[in-house]
Amino acid sequence: AKFGLALLSTAIQLSSFVLVYLNADKLRPPPPRKISEEAQAEMEEYASLFENGTMAINKF
């Protein structure tokens, strides 16, 4: 059960990263630096949300 949960959290993390990249593509007209800052802030939000899942993955 624990392994399945880790896989699920990994899938959620990957899909969230894909969403960030897609949003960055839509926001391409502004300067690249602004996009990367926004994407980084968003990824940090996701990272704090999925910290427990990542820790579970690191145990394997």
C-alpha atoms as a PDB file:
ATOM      1  CA  ALA A   1       0.000   0.000   0.000  1.00  0.00           C
ATOM      2  CA  LYS A   2       2.844   2.369   0.873  1.00  0.00           C
ATOM      3  CA  PHE A   3       4.543   1.744  -2.468  1.00  0.00           C
ATOM      4  CA  GLY A   4       1.325   2.466  -4.371  1.00  0.00           C
ATOM      5  CA  LEU A   5       0.898   5.708  -2.467  1.00  0.00           C
ATOM      6  CA  ALA A   6       4.447   6.745  -3.380  1.00  0.00           C
ATOM      7  CA  LEU A   7       3.766   5.994  -7.054  1.00  0.00           C
ATOM      8  CA  LEU A   8       0.549   8.002  -6.907  1.00  0.00           C
ATOM      9  CA  SER A   9       2.291  11.029  -5.389  1.00  0.00           C
ATOM     10  CA  THR A  10       5.026  10.752  -8.049  1.00  0.00           C
ATOM     11  CA  ALA A  11       2.383  10.776 -10.792  1.00  0.00           C
ATOM     12  CA  ILE A  12       0.733  13.836  -9.222  1.00  0.00           C
ATOM     13  CA  GLN A  13       4.108  15.613  -9.041  1.00  0.00           C
ATOM     14  CA  LEU A  14       4.875  14.838 -12.698  1.00  0.00           C
ATOM     15  CA  SER A  15       1.466  16.045 -13.868  1.00  0.00           C
ATOM     16  CA  SER A  16       1.840  19.246 -11.831  1.00  0.00           C
ATOM     17  CA  PHE A  17       5.230  19.910 -13.463  1.00  0.00           C
ATOM     18  CA  VAL A  18       3.641  19.355 -16.894  1.00  0.00           C
ATOM     19  CA  LEU A  19       0.913  21.869 -16.009  1.00  0.00           C
ATOM     20  CA  VAL A  20       3.563  24.405 -14.977  1.00  0.00           C
ATOM     21  CA  TYR A  21       5.388  23.959 -18.305  1.00  0.00           C
ATOM     22  CA  LEU A  22       2.135  24.300 -20.281  1.00  0.00           C
ATOM     23  CA  ASN A  23       1.259  27.492 -18.395  1.00  0.00           C
ATOM     24  CA  ALA A  24       4.775  28.824 -19.063  1.00  0.00           C
ATOM     25  CA  ASP A  25       4.219  28.212 -22.799  1.00  0.00           C
ATOM     26  CA  LYS A  26       0.990  30.219 -22.694  1.00  0.00           C
ATOM     27  CA  LEU A  27       2.733  33.080 -20.877  1.00  0.00           C
ATOM     28  CA  ARG A  28       5.666  33.178 -23.319  1.00  0.00           C
ATOM     29  CA  PRO A  29       5.195  36.831 -24.539  1.00  0.00           C
ATOM     30  CA  PRO A  30       6.447  38.376 -21.231  1.00  0.00           C
ATOM     31  CA  PRO A  31      10.201  38.275 -20.459  1.00  0.00           C
ATOM     32  CA  PRO A  32      11.497  34.721 -19.794  1.00  0.00           C
ATOM     33  CA  ARG A  33      12.812  35.662 -16.349  1.00  0.00           C
ATOM     34  CA  LYS A  34       9.322  36.585 -15.129  1.00  0.00           C
ATOM     35  CA  ILE A  35       7.949  33.260 -16.398  1.00  0.00           C
ATOM     36  CA  SER A  36      10.654  31.271 -14.635  1.00  0.00           C
ATOM     37  CA  GLU A  37      10.079  33.179 -11.389  1.00  0.00           C
ATOM     38  CA  GLU A  38       6.336  32.492 -11.518  1.00  0.00           C
ATOM     39  CA  ALA A  39       6.894  28.851 -12.427  1.00  0.00           C
ATOM     40  CA  GLN A  40       9.432  28.499  -9.610  1.00  0.00           C
ATOM     41  CA  ALA A  41       6.995  29.980  -7.087  1.00  0.00           C
ATOM     42  CA  GLU A  42       4.311  27.603  -8.322  1.00  0.00           C
ATOM     43  CA  MET A  43       6.674  24.621  -8.134  1.00  0.00           C
ATOM     44  CA  GLU A  44       7.657  25.601  -4.586  1.00  0.00           C
ATOM     45  CA  GLU A  45       3.952  25.574  -3.690  1.00  0.00           C
ATOM     46  CA  TYR A  46       3.614  22.078  -5.166  1.00  0.00           C
ATOM     47  CA  ALA A  47       6.828  20.991  -3.435  1.00  0.00           C
ATOM     48  CA  SER A  48       5.478  21.987  -0.018  1.00  0.00           C
ATOM     49  CA  LEU A  49       2.198  20.193  -0.795  1.00  0.00           C
ATOM     50  CA  PHE A  50       3.905  16.956  -1.875  1.00  0.00           C
ATOM     51  CA  GLU A  51       6.799  17.029   0.604  1.00  0.00           C
ATOM     52  CA  ASN A  52       5.447  13.984   2.471  1.00  0.00           C
ATOM     53  CA  GLY A  53       5.026  12.016  -0.757  1.00  0.00           C
ATOM     54  CA  THR A  54       8.586  12.854  -1.821  1.00  0.00           C
ATOM     55  CA  MET A  55       9.937  11.784   1.557  1.00  0.00           C
ATOM     56  CA  ALA A  56       8.101   8.464   1.195  1.00  0.00           C
ATOM     57  CA  ILE A  57       9.683   7.967  -2.250  1.00  0.00           C
ATOM     58  CA  ASN A  58      13.171   8.758  -0.897  1.00  0.00           C
ATOM     59  CA  LYS A  59      12.846   5.915   1.628  1.00  0.00           C
ATOM     60  CA  PHE A  60      12.955   3.303  -1.163  1.00  0.00           C
END
